[in-house]
Each structure stands twice: as structure tokens, then as C-alpha cells.
Amino acid sequence: MFTVYILYSSVHHKKYIGYTTDLIQRFYSHNKLATKGYTIKYRPWVVIHTEIFESKEMASAREKSLKSGKGREWIKDSIIPQYRAIGFI
């Protein structure tokens, strides 16, 4: 199983989109373990959205669609406001 995920840094108002087979370990890596890369500059991160796929190809395609203009617009207009409404971010 593959998980497509969206992370959000409320401190820096940044989002990150990725996919993995082990969301808990990957999330820990983004927030604690990594020593280089995009995500270390904008810690701390919270998971604001996940989707599960049976194949790597399907997960990769969904990640690519979320990184497109329409995908980013959907995140900005639909996902982020839900979490702001409940005071999570």
C-alpha cells in the first residue's frame, strides 16, 4: 500500500506533497531525522491529508496531480480551510 500525503507548516505557511509506504516513519523523517532537503527548513509539519493507493503507479500519478496547478488550488481551497476552521493550523 502507498500513502499520498500533504504536510503543512503553519509557522511558514508551506505545504509539501509526497508518497510513501510508511507514513509514520516518513513523517518522523520530515520532522526530526532529515538533515538536508526542502522540509527541514519549514519544520514543524503536520499531516493534513492522506490518500491510500494499492500501487506505486497510482500513488505517483495522484502525487503528480496534486502538484499541478489545479491540485494546489484544490488543496488551498478545500483542504487547508477545513483545518483552519477547526483551529488545527
Protein backbone atom coordinates (compact mmCIF):
# COMPACT_ATOMS: atom_id res chain seq x y z
CA MET A 1 0.00 0.00 0.00
CA PHE A 2 1.13 3.52 -0.77
CA THR A 3 0.04 6.69 1.01
CA VAL A 4 -0.05 10.05 -0.73
CA TYR A 5 0.19 12.75 1.90
CA ILE A 6 0.08 16.51 2.29
CA LEU A 7 2.09 18.16 5.04
CA TYR A 8 1.54 21.73 6.17
CA SER A 9 3.79 24.07 8.13
CA SER A 10 1.59 26.64 9.83
CA VAL A 11 4.65 28.54 11.04
CA HIS A 12 5.84 29.15 7.47
CA HIS A 13 2.56 28.64 5.55
CA LYS A 14 4.16 26.00 3.32
CA LYS A 15 2.86 22.69 2.07
CA TYR A 16 4.63 19.53 0.96
CA ILE A 17 3.21 16.69 -1.12
CA GLY A 18 4.70 13.21 -1.27
CA TYR A 19 4.02 9.49 -1.16
CA THR A 20 5.42 6.62 0.87
CA THR A 21 4.86 3.06 2.03
CA ASP A 22 5.43 4.01 5.70
CA LEU A 23 3.76 7.30 6.58
CA ILE A 24 4.75 7.29 10.25
CA GLN A 25 8.46 6.80 9.50
CA ARG A 26 8.36 9.32 6.64
CA PHE A 27 6.61 11.91 8.82
CA TYR A 28 9.22 11.38 11.55
CA SER A 29 11.93 11.83 8.94
CA HIS A 30 10.43 15.12 7.72
CA ASN A 31 10.17 16.50 11.27
CA LYS A 32 13.22 15.03 13.04
CA LEU A 33 15.66 12.83 11.11
CA ALA A 34 16.37 14.55 7.81
CA THR A 35 19.48 16.71 7.68
CA LYS A 36 19.01 18.13 4.18
CA GLY A 37 16.23 18.88 1.75
CA TYR A 38 13.21 21.14 1.44
CA THR A 39 11.30 20.01 4.51
CA ILE A 40 13.97 20.73 7.13
CA LYS A 41 13.69 24.49 6.53
CA TYR A 42 9.99 24.65 7.37
CA ARG A 43 9.59 22.43 10.43
CA PRO A 44 7.36 21.59 12.22
CA TRP A 45 5.00 19.82 9.83
CA VAL A 46 1.53 18.37 10.39
CA VAL A 47 -0.24 15.86 8.16
CA ILE A 48 -3.37 17.49 6.77
CA HIS A 49 -4.45 14.95 4.15
CA THR A 50 -3.81 11.34 3.16
CA GLU A 51 -5.00 9.02 0.41
CA ILE A 52 -4.25 5.28 0.13
CA PHE A 53 -3.39 3.51 -3.15
CA GLU A 54 -2.63 -0.11 -3.98
CA SER A 55 0.13 0.59 -6.49
CA LYS A 56 3.13 2.85 -6.71
CA GLU A 57 2.00 3.98 -10.15
CA MET A 58 -1.39 5.13 -8.85
CA ALA A 59 0.20 6.94 -5.90
CA SER A 60 2.75 8.61 -8.15
CA ALA A 61 0.03 9.77 -10.55
CA ARG A 62 -2.01 11.24 -7.68
CA GLU A 63 1.04 12.99 -6.23
CA LYS A 64 1.73 14.49 -9.65
CA SER A 65 -1.89 15.68 -9.97
CA LEU A 66 -1.77 17.30 -6.50
CA LYS A 67 1.41 19.13 -7.51
CA SER A 68 -0.29 20.55 -10.61
CA GLY A 69 -1.90 23.98 -10.63
CA LYS A 70 -5.39 22.53 -10.22
CA GLY A 71 -4.20 20.22 -7.45
CA ARG A 72 -2.57 23.03 -5.49
CA GLU A 73 -5.68 25.14 -5.96
CA TRP A 74 -7.83 22.27 -4.58
CA ILE A 75 -5.53 21.99 -1.54
CA LYS A 76 -5.67 25.76 -0.96
CA ASP A 77 -9.45 26.00 -1.42
CA SER A 78 -10.65 22.71 0.12
CA ILE A 79 -8.12 21.05 2.41
CA ILE A 80 -6.41 23.94 4.23
CA PRO A 81 -9.67 25.79 5.10
CA GLN A 82 -11.05 22.64 6.77
CA TYR A 83 -8.13 22.54 9.16
CA ARG A 84 -8.18 26.28 9.80
CA ALA A 85 -11.89 26.11 10.62
CA ILE A 86 -11.23 23.71 13.48
CA GLY A 87 -8.13 25.57 14.66
CA PHE A 88 -5.74 22.78 13.73
CA ILE A 89 -3.48 25.02 11.61
